[in-house]
Amino acid sequence: FLNLSSASVKEDIGNRKKIVVTFSILEDIVSVIG
């Protein structure tokens, strides 16, 4: 179950758009909007 869950999380992250921000305020705002 744990291995399947880990694989599911990795697959979910892989389907998301990868966004790199420069500092923590942007991290919060981009996470809210995205």
ModelCIF file with pLDDT and N, C-alpha, C, O atoms, coordinates in Angstrom:
data_MODEL
#
_entry.id   MODEL 
#
_entity.id                         1 
_entity.type                       polymer 
_entity.pdbx_number_of_molecules   1 
#
_entity_poly.entity_id                      1 
_entity_poly.type                           'polypeptide(L)' 
_entity_poly.nstd_linkage                   no 
_entity_poly.nstd_monomer                   no 
_entity_poly.pdbx_seq_one_letter_code       FLNLSSASVKEDIGNRKKIVVTFSILEDIVSVIG 
_entity_poly.pdbx_seq_one_letter_code_can   FLNLSSASVKEDIGNRKKIVVTFSILEDIVSVIG 
_entity_poly.pdbx_strand_id                 A 
#
loop_
_entity_poly_seq.entity_id 
_entity_poly_seq.num 
_entity_poly_seq.mon_id 
_entity_poly_seq.hetero 
1 1  PHE n 
1 2  LEU n 
1 3  ASN n 
1 4  LEU n 
1 5  SER n 
1 6  SER n 
1 7  ALA n 
1 8  SER n 
1 9  VAL n 
1 10 LYS n 
1 11 GLU n 
1 12 ASP n 
1 13 ILE n 
1 14 GLY n 
1 15 ASN n 
1 16 ARG n 
1 17 LYS n 
1 18 LYS n 
1 19 ILE n 
1 20 VAL n 
1 21 VAL n 
1 22 THR n 
1 23 PHE n 
1 24 SER n 
1 25 ILE n 
1 26 LEU n 
1 27 GLU n 
1 28 ASP n 
1 29 ILE n 
1 30 VAL n 
1 31 SER n 
1 32 VAL n 
1 33 ILE n 
1 34 GLY n 
#
_struct_asym.id          A 
_struct_asym.entity_id   1 
#
loop_
_ma_qa_metric.id 
_ma_qa_metric.mode 
_ma_qa_metric.name 
_ma_qa_metric.software_group_id 
_ma_qa_metric.type 
1 global pLDDT . pLDDT 
2 local  pLDDT . pLDDT 
#
_ma_qa_metric_global.metric_id      1 
_ma_qa_metric_global.metric_value   78.44 
_ma_qa_metric_global.model_id       1 
_ma_qa_metric_global.ordinal_id     1 
#
loop_
_ma_qa_metric_local.label_asym_id 
_ma_qa_metric_local.label_comp_id 
_ma_qa_metric_local.label_seq_id 
_ma_qa_metric_local.metric_id 
_ma_qa_metric_local.metric_value 
_ma_qa_metric_local.model_id 
_ma_qa_metric_local.ordinal_id 
A PHE 1  2 50.00 1 1  
A LEU 2  2 53.00 1 2  
A ASN 3  2 56.00 1 3  
A LEU 4  2 51.00 1 4  
A SER 5  2 48.00 1 5  
A SER 6  2 48.00 1 6  
A ALA 7  2 48.00 1 7  
A SER 8  2 45.00 1 8  
A VAL 9  2 44.00 1 9  
A LYS 10 2 47.00 1 10 
A GLU 11 2 45.00 1 11 
A ASP 12 2 58.00 1 12 
A ILE 13 2 62.00 1 13 
A GLY 14 2 68.00 1 14 
A ASN 15 2 86.00 1 15 
A ARG 16 2 94.00 1 16 
A LYS 17 2 98.00 1 17 
A LYS 18 2 98.00 1 18 
A ILE 19 2 98.00 1 19 
A VAL 20 2 98.00 1 20 
A VAL 21 2 98.00 1 21 
A THR 22 2 98.00 1 22 
A PHE 23 2 98.00 1 23 
A SER 24 2 98.00 1 24 
A ILE 25 2 98.00 1 25 
A LEU 26 2 98.00 1 26 
A GLU 27 2 98.00 1 27 
A ASP 28 2 98.00 1 28 
A ILE 29 2 98.00 1 29 
A VAL 30 2 98.00 1 30 
A SER 31 2 98.00 1 31 
A VAL 32 2 98.00 1 32 
A ILE 33 2 98.00 1 33 
A GLY 34 2 98.00 1 34 
#
loop_
_atom_site.group_PDB 
_atom_site.id 
_atom_site.type_symbol 
_atom_site.label_atom_id 
_atom_site.label_alt_id 
_atom_site.label_comp_id 
_atom_site.label_asym_id 
_atom_site.label_entity_id 
_atom_site.label_seq_id 
_atom_site.pdbx_PDB_ins_code 
_atom_site.Cartn_x 
_atom_site.Cartn_y 
_atom_site.Cartn_z 
_atom_site.occupancy 
_atom_site.B_iso_or_equiv 
_atom_site.pdbx_formal_charge 
_atom_site.auth_seq_id 
_atom_site.auth_comp_id 
_atom_site.auth_asym_id 
_atom_site.auth_atom_id 
_atom_site.pdbx_PDB_model_num 
ATOM 1   N N  . PHE A 1 1  ? 0.833  -1.214 0.000   1.00 50.00 ? 1  PHE A N  1 
ATOM 2   C CA . PHE A 1 1  ? 0.000  0.000  0.000   1.00 50.00 ? 1  PHE A CA 1 
ATOM 3   C C  . PHE A 1 1  ? 0.861  1.256  0.000   1.00 50.00 ? 1  PHE A C  1 
ATOM 4   O O  . PHE A 1 1  ? 0.581  2.206  -0.731  1.00 50.00 ? 1  PHE A O  1 
ATOM 5   N N  . LEU A 1 2  ? 1.915  1.261  0.824   1.00 53.00 ? 2  LEU A N  1 
ATOM 6   C CA . LEU A 1 2  ? 2.794  2.431  0.899   1.00 53.00 ? 2  LEU A CA 1 
ATOM 7   C C  . LEU A 1 2  ? 3.512  2.654  -0.418  1.00 53.00 ? 2  LEU A C  1 
ATOM 8   O O  . LEU A 1 2  ? 3.667  3.795  -0.853  1.00 53.00 ? 2  LEU A O  1 
ATOM 9   N N  . ASN A 1 3  ? 3.958  1.571  -1.065  1.00 56.00 ? 3  ASN A N  1 
ATOM 10  C CA . ASN A 1 3  ? 4.640  1.713  -2.350  1.00 56.00 ? 3  ASN A CA 1 
ATOM 11  C C  . ASN A 1 3  ? 3.699  2.246  -3.425  1.00 56.00 ? 3  ASN A C  1 
ATOM 12  O O  . ASN A 1 3  ? 4.087  3.077  -4.246  1.00 56.00 ? 3  ASN A O  1 
ATOM 13  N N  . LEU A 1 4  ? 2.449  1.758  -3.414  1.00 51.00 ? 4  LEU A N  1 
ATOM 14  C CA . LEU A 1 4  ? 1.463  2.250  -4.378  1.00 51.00 ? 4  LEU A CA 1 
ATOM 15  C C  . LEU A 1 4  ? 1.139  3.714  -4.135  1.00 51.00 ? 4  LEU A C  1 
ATOM 16  O O  . LEU A 1 4  ? 0.996  4.488  -5.081  1.00 51.00 ? 4  LEU A O  1 
ATOM 17  N N  . SER A 1 5  ? 1.021  4.101  -2.845  1.00 48.00 ? 5  SER A N  1 
ATOM 18  C CA . SER A 1 5  ? 0.731  5.502  -2.495  1.00 48.00 ? 5  SER A CA 1 
ATOM 19  C C  . SER A 1 5  ? 1.863  6.401  -2.941  1.00 48.00 ? 5  SER A C  1 
ATOM 20  O O  . SER A 1 5  ? 1.627  7.473  -3.498  1.00 48.00 ? 5  SER A O  1 
ATOM 21  N N  . SER A 1 6  ? 3.113  5.963  -2.694  1.00 48.00 ? 6  SER A N  1 
ATOM 22  C CA . SER A 1 6  ? 4.275  6.756  -3.094  1.00 48.00 ? 6  SER A CA 1 
ATOM 23  C C  . SER A 1 6  ? 4.313  6.932  -4.601  1.00 48.00 ? 6  SER A C  1 
ATOM 24  O O  . SER A 1 6  ? 4.595  8.022  -5.100  1.00 48.00 ? 6  SER A O  1 
ATOM 25  N N  . ALA A 1 7  ? 4.027  5.847  -5.334  1.00 48.00 ? 7  ALA A N  1 
ATOM 26  C CA . ALA A 1 7  ? 4.007  5.933  -6.798  1.00 48.00 ? 7  ALA A CA 1 
ATOM 27  C C  . ALA A 1 7  ? 2.918  6.867  -7.279  1.00 48.00 ? 7  ALA A C  1 
ATOM 28  O O  . ALA A 1 7  ? 3.104  7.599  -8.250  1.00 48.00 ? 7  ALA A O  1 
ATOM 29  N N  . SER A 1 8  ? 1.750  6.844  -6.584  1.00 45.00 ? 8  SER A N  1 
ATOM 30  C CA . SER A 1 8  ? 0.633  7.718  -6.954  1.00 45.00 ? 8  SER A CA 1 
ATOM 31  C C  . SER A 1 8  ? 0.986  9.182  -6.751  1.00 45.00 ? 8  SER A C  1 
ATOM 32  O O  . SER A 1 8  ? 0.658  10.030 -7.581  1.00 45.00 ? 8  SER A O  1 
ATOM 33  N N  . VAL A 1 9  ? 1.668  9.478  -5.624  1.00 44.00 ? 9  VAL A N  1 
ATOM 34  C CA . VAL A 1 9  ? 2.082  10.861 -5.342  1.00 44.00 ? 9  VAL A CA 1 
ATOM 35  C C  . VAL A 1 9  ? 3.067  11.343 -6.391  1.00 44.00 ? 9  VAL A C  1 
ATOM 36  O O  . VAL A 1 9  ? 2.963  12.469 -6.877  1.00 44.00 ? 9  VAL A O  1 
ATOM 37  N N  . LYS A 1 10 ? 4.045  10.471 -6.750  1.00 47.00 ? 10 LYS A N  1 
ATOM 38  C CA . LYS A 1 10 ? 5.037  10.857 -7.754  1.00 47.00 ? 10 LYS A CA 1 
ATOM 39  C C  . LYS A 1 10 ? 4.365  11.114 -9.102  1.00 47.00 ? 10 LYS A C  1 
ATOM 40  O O  . LYS A 1 10 ? 4.714  12.060 -9.807  1.00 47.00 ? 10 LYS A O  1 
ATOM 41  N N  . GLU A 1 11 ? 3.395  10.263 -9.453  1.00 45.00 ? 11 GLU A N  1 
ATOM 42  C CA . GLU A 1 11 ? 2.672  10.441 -10.712 1.00 45.00 ? 11 GLU A CA 1 
ATOM 43  C C  . GLU A 1 11 ? 1.872  11.733 -10.699 1.00 45.00 ? 11 GLU A C  1 
ATOM 44  O O  . GLU A 1 11 ? 1.809  12.440 -11.705 1.00 45.00 ? 11 GLU A O  1 
ATOM 45  N N  . ASP A 1 12 ? 1.254  12.047 -9.544  1.00 58.00 ? 12 ASP A N  1 
ATOM 46  C CA . ASP A 1 12 ? 0.465  13.274 -9.416  1.00 58.00 ? 12 ASP A CA 1 
ATOM 47  C C  . ASP A 1 12 ? 1.348  14.504 -9.598  1.00 58.00 ? 12 ASP A C  1 
ATOM 48  O O  . ASP A 1 12 ? 0.987  15.433 -10.322 1.00 58.00 ? 12 ASP A O  1 
ATOM 49  N N  . ILE A 1 13 ? 2.512  14.508 -8.935  1.00 62.00 ? 13 ILE A N  1 
ATOM 50  C CA . ILE A 1 13 ? 3.448  15.629 -9.062  1.00 62.00 ? 13 ILE A CA 1 
ATOM 51  C C  . ILE A 1 13 ? 3.942  15.740 -10.504 1.00 62.00 ? 13 ILE A C  1 
ATOM 52  O O  . ILE A 1 13 ? 4.108  16.839 -11.033 1.00 62.00 ? 13 ILE A O  1 
ATOM 53  N N  . GLY A 1 14 ? 4.172  14.594 -11.126 1.00 68.00 ? 14 GLY A N  1 
ATOM 54  C CA . GLY A 1 14 ? 4.647  14.601 -12.503 1.00 68.00 ? 14 GLY A CA 1 
ATOM 55  C C  . GLY A 1 14 ? 3.650  15.205 -13.472 1.00 68.00 ? 14 GLY A C  1 
ATOM 56  O O  . GLY A 1 14 ? 4.048  15.736 -14.508 1.00 68.00 ? 14 GLY A O  1 
ATOM 57  N N  . ASN A 1 15 ? 2.360  15.137 -13.162 1.00 86.00 ? 15 ASN A N  1 
ATOM 58  C CA . ASN A 1 15 ? 1.329  15.700 -14.031 1.00 86.00 ? 15 ASN A CA 1 
ATOM 59  C C  . ASN A 1 15 ? 1.111  17.193 -13.812 1.00 86.00 ? 15 ASN A C  1 
ATOM 60  O O  . ASN A 1 15 ? 0.459  17.850 -14.624 1.00 86.00 ? 15 ASN A O  1 
ATOM 61  N N  . ARG A 1 16 ? 1.643  17.724 -12.740 1.00 94.00 ? 16 ARG A N  1 
ATOM 62  C CA . ARG A 1 16 ? 1.479  19.151 -12.459 1.00 94.00 ? 16 ARG A CA 1 
ATOM 63  C C  . ARG A 1 16 ? 2.512  19.979 -13.229 1.00 94.00 ? 16 ARG A C  1 
ATOM 64  O O  . ARG A 1 16 ? 3.555  19.472 -13.643 1.00 94.00 ? 16 ARG A O  1 
ATOM 65  N N  . LYS A 1 17 ? 2.196  21.264 -13.408 1.00 98.00 ? 17 LYS A N  1 
ATOM 66  C CA . LYS A 1 17 ? 3.165  22.176 -13.998 1.00 98.00 ? 17 LYS A CA 1 
ATOM 67  C C  . LYS A 1 17 ? 4.229  22.506 -12.953 1.00 98.00 ? 17 LYS A C  1 
ATOM 68  O O  . LYS A 1 17 ? 3.914  22.881 -11.824 1.00 98.00 ? 17 LYS A O  1 
ATOM 69  N N  . LYS A 1 18 ? 5.482  22.360 -13.348 1.00 98.00 ? 18 LYS A N  1 
ATOM 70  C CA . LYS A 1 18 ? 6.594  22.638 -12.428 1.00 98.00 ? 18 LYS A CA 1 
ATOM 71  C C  . LYS A 1 18 ? 6.956  24.117 -12.499 1.00 98.00 ? 18 LYS A C  1 
ATOM 72  O O  . LYS A 1 18 ? 7.402  24.615 -13.532 1.00 98.00 ? 18 LYS A O  1 
ATOM 73  N N  . ILE A 1 19 ? 6.755  24.804 -11.382 1.00 98.00 ? 19 ILE A N  1 
ATOM 74  C CA . ILE A 1 19 ? 7.016  26.240 -11.338 1.00 98.00 ? 19 ILE A CA 1 
ATOM 75  C C  . ILE A 1 19 ? 8.092  26.521 -10.292 1.00 98.00 ? 19 ILE A C  1 
ATOM 76  O O  . ILE A 1 19 ? 7.973  26.111 -9.138  1.00 98.00 ? 19 ILE A O  1 
ATOM 77  N N  . VAL A 1 20 ? 9.124  27.211 -10.703 1.00 98.00 ? 20 VAL A N  1 
ATOM 78  C CA . VAL A 1 20 ? 10.195 27.625 -9.794  1.00 98.00 ? 20 VAL A CA 1 
ATOM 79  C C  . VAL A 1 20 ? 10.033 29.111 -9.513  1.00 98.00 ? 20 VAL A C  1 
ATOM 80  O O  . VAL A 1 20 ? 9.935  29.916 -10.439 1.00 98.00 ? 20 VAL A O  1 
ATOM 81  N N  . VAL A 1 21 ? 10.005 29.473 -8.235  1.00 98.00 ? 21 VAL A N  1 
ATOM 82  C CA . VAL A 1 21 ? 9.886  30.878 -7.830  1.00 98.00 ? 21 VAL A CA 1 
ATOM 83  C C  . VAL A 1 21 ? 11.133 31.266 -7.058  1.00 98.00 ? 21 VAL A C  1 
ATOM 84  O O  . VAL A 1 21 ? 11.898 30.409 -6.615  1.00 98.00 ? 21 VAL A O  1 
ATOM 85  N N  . THR A 1 22 ? 11.328 32.568 -6.901  1.00 98.00 ? 22 THR A N  1 
ATOM 86  C CA . THR A 1 22 ? 12.579 33.018 -6.295  1.00 98.00 ? 22 THR A CA 1 
ATOM 87  C C  . THR A 1 22 ? 12.555 33.093 -4.773  1.00 98.00 ? 22 THR A C  1 
ATOM 88  O O  . THR A 1 22 ? 13.584 32.874 -4.134  1.00 98.00 ? 22 THR A O  1 
ATOM 89  N N  . PHE A 1 23 ? 11.388 33.403 -4.172  1.00 98.00 ? 23 PHE A N  1 
ATOM 90  C CA . PHE A 1 23 ? 11.374 33.533 -2.708  1.00 98.00 ? 23 PHE A CA 1 
ATOM 91  C C  . PHE A 1 23 ? 10.007 33.161 -2.154  1.00 98.00 ? 23 PHE A C  1 
ATOM 92  O O  . PHE A 1 23 ? 9.072  32.907 -2.913  1.00 98.00 ? 23 PHE A O  1 
ATOM 93  N N  . SER A 1 24 ? 9.892  33.129 -0.821  1.00 98.00 ? 24 SER A N  1 
ATOM 94  C CA . SER A 1 24 ? 8.764  32.473 -0.157  1.00 98.00 ? 24 SER A CA 1 
ATOM 95  C C  . SER A 1 24 ? 7.408  33.157 -0.363  1.00 98.00 ? 24 SER A C  1 
ATOM 96  O O  . SER A 1 24 ? 6.387  32.472 -0.390  1.00 98.00 ? 24 SER A O  1 
ATOM 97  N N  . ILE A 1 25 ? 7.368  34.467 -0.507  1.00 98.00 ? 25 ILE A N  1 
ATOM 98  C CA . ILE A 1 25 ? 6.084  35.132 -0.743  1.00 98.00 ? 25 ILE A CA 1 
ATOM 99  C C  . ILE A 1 25 ? 5.513  34.689 -2.089  1.00 98.00 ? 25 ILE A C  1 
ATOM 100 O O  . ILE A 1 25 ? 4.314  34.438 -2.208  1.00 98.00 ? 25 ILE A O  1 
ATOM 101 N N  . LEU A 1 26 ? 6.367  34.593 -3.089  1.00 98.00 ? 26 LEU A N  1 
ATOM 102 C CA . LEU A 1 26 ? 5.926  34.071 -4.383  1.00 98.00 ? 26 LEU A CA 1 
ATOM 103 C C  . LEU A 1 26 ? 5.524  32.607 -4.280  1.00 98.00 ? 26 LEU A C  1 
ATOM 104 O O  . LEU A 1 26 ? 4.572  32.179 -4.933  1.00 98.00 ? 26 LEU A O  1 
ATOM 105 N N  . GLU A 1 27 ? 6.229  31.844 -3.477  1.00 98.00 ? 27 GLU A N  1 
ATOM 106 C CA . GLU A 1 27 ? 5.879  30.435 -3.274  1.00 98.00 ? 27 GLU A CA 1 
ATOM 107 C C  . GLU A 1 27 ? 4.436  30.308 -2.788  1.00 98.00 ? 27 GLU A C  1 
ATOM 108 O O  . GLU A 1 27 ? 3.679  29.470 -3.278  1.00 98.00 ? 27 GLU A O  1 
ATOM 109 N N  . ASP A 1 28 ? 4.068  31.142 -1.829  1.00 98.00 ? 28 ASP A N  1 
ATOM 110 C CA . ASP A 1 28 ? 2.712  31.097 -1.287  1.00 98.00 ? 28 ASP A CA 1 
ATOM 111 C C  . ASP A 1 28 ? 1.684  31.525 -2.330  1.00 98.00 ? 28 ASP A C  1 
ATOM 112 O O  . ASP A 1 28 ? 0.680  30.841 -2.526  1.00 98.00 ? 28 ASP A O  1 
ATOM 113 N N  . ILE A 1 29 ? 1.922  32.637 -2.991  1.00 98.00 ? 29 ILE A N  1 
ATOM 114 C CA . ILE A 1 29 ? 0.949  33.175 -3.947  1.00 98.00 ? 29 ILE A CA 1 
ATOM 115 C C  . ILE A 1 29 ? 0.742  32.217 -5.125  1.00 98.00 ? 29 ILE A C  1 
ATOM 116 O O  . ILE A 1 29 ? -0.394 31.953 -5.520  1.00 98.00 ? 29 ILE A O  1 
ATOM 117 N N  . VAL A 1 30 ? 1.834  31.702 -5.681  1.00 98.00 ? 30 VAL A N  1 
ATOM 118 C CA . VAL A 1 30 ? 1.732  30.787 -6.822  1.00 98.00 ? 30 VAL A CA 1 
ATOM 119 C C  . VAL A 1 30 ? 1.010  29.497 -6.407  1.00 98.00 ? 30 VAL A C  1 
ATOM 120 O O  . VAL A 1 30 ? 0.252  28.927 -7.191  1.00 98.00 ? 30 VAL A O  1 
ATOM 121 N N  . SER A 1 31 ? 1.251  29.043 -5.174  1.00 98.00 ? 31 SER A N  1 
ATOM 122 C CA . SER A 1 31 ? 0.567  27.841 -4.676  1.00 98.00 ? 31 SER A CA 1 
ATOM 123 C C  . SER A 1 31 ? -0.929 28.073 -4.535  1.00 98.00 ? 31 SER A C  1 
ATOM 124 O O  . SER A 1 31 ? -1.725 27.177 -4.817  1.00 98.00 ? 31 SER A O  1 
ATOM 125 N N  . VAL A 1 32 ? -1.319 29.273 -4.099  1.00 98.00 ? 32 VAL A N  1 
ATOM 126 C CA . VAL A 1 32 ? -2.744 29.599 -3.955  1.00 98.00 ? 32 VAL A CA 1 
ATOM 127 C C  . VAL A 1 32 ? -3.425 29.653 -5.322  1.00 98.00 ? 32 VAL A C  1 
ATOM 128 O O  . VAL A 1 32 ? -4.491 29.065 -5.507  1.00 98.00 ? 32 VAL A O  1 
ATOM 129 N N  . ILE A 1 33 ? -2.821 30.350 -6.270  1.00 98.00 ? 33 ILE A N  1 
ATOM 130 C CA . ILE A 1 33 ? -3.428 30.515 -7.595  1.00 98.00 ? 33 ILE A CA 1 
ATOM 131 C C  . ILE A 1 33 ? -3.354 29.216 -8.395  1.00 98.00 ? 33 ILE A C  1 
ATOM 132 O O  . ILE A 1 33 ? -4.309 28.850 -9.080  1.00 98.00 ? 33 ILE A O  1 
ATOM 133 N N  . GLY A 1 34 ? -2.226 28.527 -8.309  1.00 98.00 ? 34 GLY A N  1 
ATOM 134 C CA . GLY A 1 34 ? -2.043 27.296 -9.080  1.00 98.00 ? 34 GLY A CA 1 
ATOM 135 C C  . GLY A 1 34 ? -2.743 26.095 -8.488  1.00 98.00 ? 34 GLY A C  1 
ATOM 136 O O  . GLY A 1 34 ? -2.665 24.999 -9.044  1.00 98.00 ? 34 GLY A O  1 
#
